[in-house]
Amino acid sequence: MEFISLCGPVDDNRKSSVPSTIFCGFTDAFDSFREEEREQVSQPNRKTEERDRDDNSIALDECYDNSDDSTVVSDSGASVLSIDYDGAEEVVKEGDKADLSDIDDHDDDSTVTSEVDPAQDELNDPKKVKEAEEQEQKAQESAIQMKRTPSYRQVEKLESNDSSKLEEKLSNSGKVAQSMKLYGNPSAESKRKSMLKNLKNNIAKHGRYSVEVGATLRDLGRFHESCGQYDVSLTLFEEALDIFSTKYGDHDKSVVDMQICLARVQDRIGNDSMALKWYSKALFMIVDSADDTDLDACDIRVAVSKIIQEKGFHKEAIKELKMALKGYRQTHGDEHVTVAETVDLIADYYTDSGNHGKANNVRGELVKLRVALHGNKSSEVADALKKWAMCHEDLDDLSNALKIMKQSYVMFHDVEGSDGINAEETLEQIGFLYSKMGRAEKAIKAHTSVALTRKNRYGDQSVELAASYLILGRAYMDDNNPERGLKALNRAMTCYGKANEENNNHIAELMETLHTIGELHLKTKDAKKAVKTFQKEKSVRKKYMEYDQLGIAATYASLGVAHSKCKQVDEAKEAFIEALQIYDRLDGRKTSFAETLYACGKAFQVGDDEDRAFLCYKEAAQIFMANGYNDDHLPMKETTMRLLELGLNDLTSLVPSLRCQLLDGESQKIEF
């Protein structure tokens, strides 16, 4: 079992002495989090080139009808504009002013609480912060002074050694230019040679540690960064930083620029810890000599927010963005593209943190801002409307979500045309909204239009069209039209099967479609076909998708339901236990575990074993309670209804518990 660090290796010799309060008290929390965070990596089983194709073919023909039924989506299908868009009136009109004042509040409630070292409290004391900064400044000035005044012999030795080392490093950089030739960019070689020639001339004319040499090293570093050779660019940026720091001192803009370059490259190679340290040094120097509203400081805060947001520190990331937004607004005013992009990012972070209410408010103001910047008919406004609609959907405000999504679609349609990618994707979202609202007929019209567009763009055997067929199959199931649904799903299987022939790249989509076919058989009460379908899915997943254990668990659970419908109680119990064991091992006793236990209870009830059914229902209800659910949660409500039917007199006798007798046996009790 292999584990990797998401932050990359850390150079302990490069410790930042910047006060951690510079990033809203986050730095220490990030470092402690980084030490604990690990990602388990398991590689999927792949076919080896030596195997014969016949041995690896996935025989699914028996589970679905693979005849080419082109009647699912024909050229006479629903027109893109045949859908009712009466509700697509303008939500925001040109001239409406965006109010960004609420976005500058500082009372954010984060869904993530980062644990900070108690010593961090000392850094919140302004006096102690000032003392720490003064001590840090004295230490830096002392180090700079020592660095600026080496003896003549030391300088001579350094120049001799460092020049030879630098030439050795740069001699290897020719590989980049050679690779550029191979990729059709021969100008990279001439550009590199010209810069190297300039470097040698500057060394000869001005000396190894001259500002001119530093500037050339900086330009070379940027060149190699643009070519993707980050190791070389890091070396060159560090060389340039040493020169600029020695000549100008650490507060000079050229020094800060190099620190930002080093941070950016470390970020690109995934070394988050070093990126944060370089960003913090640069920000400290900027704030010390200017203020928080400096544009470079704002840009750094945006970059830092992206790093810490990916680690789940939503509150800290939003704070950094708000400080950046304050600087951008003071410099550019509200109606500026950079301000709009920052507001967009803040809304994204609110959504990621689960604070859909604040995200929705921010999105509404962003739409006004986009209209002011781009006019009332543009792709930027359409995209802002689409995201705003998705916020309403997150809040279960489906009516307003549909209204705004329609306006987004109409705008994309007017700007890009009916076959534009954005118009297509937005129309698909409209179809999903109709499905959520129980309006299956409207959903089918929307998804049929999307399928026609994809068929024309990608071809009738494409995986893009297969995805539309899968969605259409589910929409027809919702519309109680299983015959049409099965035809659509069969077409999806054919397309995915064709794409999957060479390397199994689309086996996940293939199994998702097969699983949906099994669900359709359950819905049409054809339990024997459902059993056959889920058994095939199980065998394929276990052979080719062992890495997706939760997917295998879901297949076992569905197989248990199918056996139960066939009154095969023992087989159902066996399948449910397999699913419960996987959920217990990988996900814990949460919602999926409780729902599977409830389904197992229904199987026992089919077999007239009411005592065991009652126990499964009771334990499922207690697990729902342990996870914070009550009767407002539909699965919990259904479970308690079953218990009442079987003779439970007092629902208050249920207490939160994680006990499961099927797995734990008679003795173990886990209660709250």
Foldseek 3Di string as FASTA:
>chain_A
DDKDQLQDDDDPVDDFLFQCCLLVNCLQLVVVLSVPDIDDDDDFDWDDPPDDLVVVAQPCCVLAPQDDDPPLFDPPAFAQPNFDQPLQDDPDAAPDAFDCPVLLDQPDDFLDDGDGDPVSVQCVPVVSVVVSVVVVVVVQVVVLVVLQDDDPVVLVVCQVVVVVVLVVLLVVVVVLCVVCVVVPRNVLNVVSVVLVVQLVVCCVPPNPLDLSNLVSLQVVLVSVVVSVNLVSSLVSLVSSLSSCCNVPNCLDPSNLVSLQVNLVSSVVVSNNSSSVSSLSSSLVSCCVVDNLLPQVNLVSLQVNLVSVVVVVPLSSSSVSLSSSLVSCCVVPNCLDPVNLVSLLVSLVSCVVRVVLVVSLSSLVSSLNSCCNRPNPADLVSLVSLLVNLVSCVSVVVLVVSLSSLSNSLVSCCVHPNCLDPSNLVSLQVNLVSCVVVLNLVSSLSSLSNSLVSCCVVPNQLALSSLVSLLVNLVSCVSVVNNVSSSSSLSSSLNSLSVVCSPINPSVVVNLVSLLVSLVSCVVVLVLVSSLVSLVSSLVCCVVGVVVPLLVNLVSLLSNLLSCLSVLNLVSSLVSLVSSLVSCCVPPNLALVNLLSLQSNLSSCVSVVNNVSSLVSLLLSLLSHVLRPDDCVDPVNVVSVVSNVVSPDDDPVVRFRWNDDCVPPPDPDTGGD
